């Protein structure tokens, strides 16, 4: 759907997302907005319409872990980029960014140390 055919609020969101992606020196690769049914409301950059269902399911599954707490913010970390996912009521947003060159993703384990043990502060 062309930007000029969108309702005003969706057009404003689309324009804001495009401005963010086109910002000089931005590490942003993609922006996705979906509802809780996995229907894409907006996708640009590295995200496709198919990404909406995956992000929606991932967030909903994470909410089931602790349903009485606020929904978690999920970060998927890759060698060269990361995707941060969050929700506000029934709207889910994912942002795909390049990993800054100063960060070494390959040296970090889930516990934060390079040997898989929980750091004890003696290093």
Protein backbone atom coordinates (compact mmCIF):
# COMPACT_ATOMS: atom_id res chain seq x y z
CA UNK A 1 0.00 0.00 0.00
CA UNK A 2 1.44 3.36 -0.95
CA UNK A 3 2.20 5.81 1.81
CA UNK A 4 -0.34 8.34 0.46
CA UNK A 5 -3.19 5.79 0.83
CA UNK A 6 -2.54 5.12 4.52
CA UNK A 7 -4.70 6.55 7.31
CA UNK A 8 -3.01 9.54 9.02
CA UNK A 9 -1.62 7.69 12.07
CA UNK A 10 -0.22 4.83 9.97
CA UNK A 11 1.23 7.30 7.48
CA UNK A 12 2.97 9.16 10.34
CA UNK A 13 4.40 5.87 11.68
CA UNK A 14 5.59 4.86 8.20
CA UNK A 15 7.26 8.24 7.64
CA UNK A 16 8.95 8.13 11.07
CA UNK A 17 10.31 4.63 10.42
CA UNK A 18 11.67 5.70 7.03
CA UNK A 19 13.37 8.75 8.57
CA UNK A 20 15.02 6.53 11.19
CA UNK A 21 16.27 4.08 8.56
CA UNK A 22 17.62 6.88 6.36
CA UNK A 23 19.43 8.74 9.16
CA UNK A 24 23.11 9.15 8.25
CA UNK A 25 25.45 6.90 10.28
CA UNK A 26 22.47 4.92 11.59
CA UNK A 27 23.08 1.30 12.56
CA UNK A 28 19.39 0.54 11.99
CA UNK A 29 18.69 -2.24 9.49
CA UNK A 30 14.94 -2.75 9.90
CA UNK A 31 11.77 -1.86 11.81
CA UNK A 32 8.73 -4.10 12.27
CA UNK A 33 5.40 -3.42 13.94
CA UNK A 34 2.82 -6.22 14.28
CA UNK A 35 -0.29 -7.00 16.26
CA UNK A 36 -0.76 -9.91 18.65
CA UNK A 37 -2.16 -12.04 15.81
CA UNK A 38 1.02 -11.70 13.77
CA UNK A 39 -0.49 -9.33 11.21
CA UNK A 40 2.15 -6.89 9.97
CA UNK A 41 1.25 -3.26 10.61
CA UNK A 42 4.56 -1.96 9.28
CA UNK A 43 7.79 -3.47 8.05
CA UNK A 44 10.77 -1.84 6.46
CA UNK A 45 14.41 -2.56 5.88
CA UNK A 46 15.48 -6.11 6.71
CA UNK A 47 12.04 -7.28 7.89
CA UNK A 48 9.42 -8.87 5.65
CA UNK A 49 5.71 -9.47 6.21
CA UNK A 50 6.61 -13.05 7.21
CA UNK A 51 8.70 -11.71 10.10
CA UNK A 52 5.58 -10.40 11.83
CA UNK A 53 4.21 -13.83 12.75
CA UNK A 54 7.58 -15.01 14.06
CA UNK A 55 8.10 -11.92 16.25
CA UNK A 56 4.51 -12.11 17.54
CA UNK A 57 4.90 -15.78 18.52
CA UNK A 58 8.29 -15.18 20.14
CA UNK A 59 6.96 -12.35 22.31
CA UNK A 60 3.80 -14.24 23.27
CA UNK A 61 5.82 -17.34 24.23
CA UNK A 62 8.13 -15.22 26.40
CA UNK A 63 5.14 -13.69 28.19
CA UNK A 64 4.03 -17.20 29.25
CA UNK A 65 7.23 -17.68 31.26
CA UNK A 66 6.13 -15.13 33.89
CA UNK A 67 2.57 -14.07 33.00
CA UNK A 68 2.18 -11.87 36.10
CA UNK A 69 5.17 -9.70 35.22
CA UNK A 70 5.52 -7.03 32.57
CA UNK A 71 6.33 -8.49 29.15
CA UNK A 72 10.08 -8.91 28.70
CA UNK A 73 12.23 -7.10 26.18
CA UNK A 74 13.86 -9.77 24.04
CA UNK A 75 17.24 -9.36 22.37
CA UNK A 76 18.35 -11.82 19.70
CA UNK A 77 22.10 -11.51 19.22
CA UNK A 78 23.94 -12.55 16.07
CA UNK A 79 27.54 -12.17 14.94
CA UNK A 80 26.94 -8.86 13.14
CA UNK A 81 23.53 -7.65 14.27
CA UNK A 82 20.87 -7.88 16.93
CA UNK A 83 17.08 -7.71 17.01
CA UNK A 84 15.34 -6.13 20.00
CA UNK A 85 11.65 -7.04 20.46
CA UNK A 86 9.16 -5.47 22.84
CA UNK A 87 5.42 -5.09 23.25
CA UNK A 88 2.93 -2.58 24.53
CA UNK A 89 -0.45 -4.21 25.09
CA UNK A 90 -1.26 -5.91 21.78
CA UNK A 91 1.26 -4.07 19.58
CA UNK A 92 4.69 -5.67 19.12
CA UNK A 93 7.76 -3.88 17.78
CA UNK A 94 11.10 -5.26 16.62
CA UNK A 95 14.18 -3.25 15.69
CA UNK A 96 17.11 -4.78 13.77
CA UNK A 97 20.49 -3.08 14.33
CA UNK A 98 24.11 -3.65 13.40
CA UNK A 99 26.35 -4.63 16.32
CA UNK A 100 28.83 -1.80 16.98
CA UNK A 101 32.38 -2.70 15.93
CA UNK A 102 33.52 -2.08 19.53
CA UNK A 103 31.42 -5.03 20.78
CA UNK A 104 32.62 -8.59 20.28
CA UNK A 105 29.55 -10.81 20.17
CA UNK A 106 31.47 -14.06 19.62
CA UNK A 107 33.26 -13.80 22.98
CA UNK A 108 30.10 -13.50 25.09
CA UNK A 109 28.28 -16.52 26.49
CA UNK A 110 24.75 -16.34 27.96
CA UNK A 111 26.25 -16.00 31.45
CA UNK A 112 28.58 -13.19 30.45
CA UNK A 113 31.88 -15.08 30.75
CA UNK A 114 33.88 -16.73 28.00
CA UNK A 115 34.03 -20.16 29.65
CA UNK A 116 30.32 -20.60 30.38
CA UNK A 117 30.75 -20.31 34.17
CA UNK A 118 29.03 -17.66 36.22
CA UNK A 119 31.53 -14.86 36.86
CA UNK A 120 32.67 -14.80 40.48
CA UNK A 121 34.45 -11.45 40.38
CA UNK A 122 37.93 -12.95 40.78
CA UNK A 123 38.98 -12.29 37.17
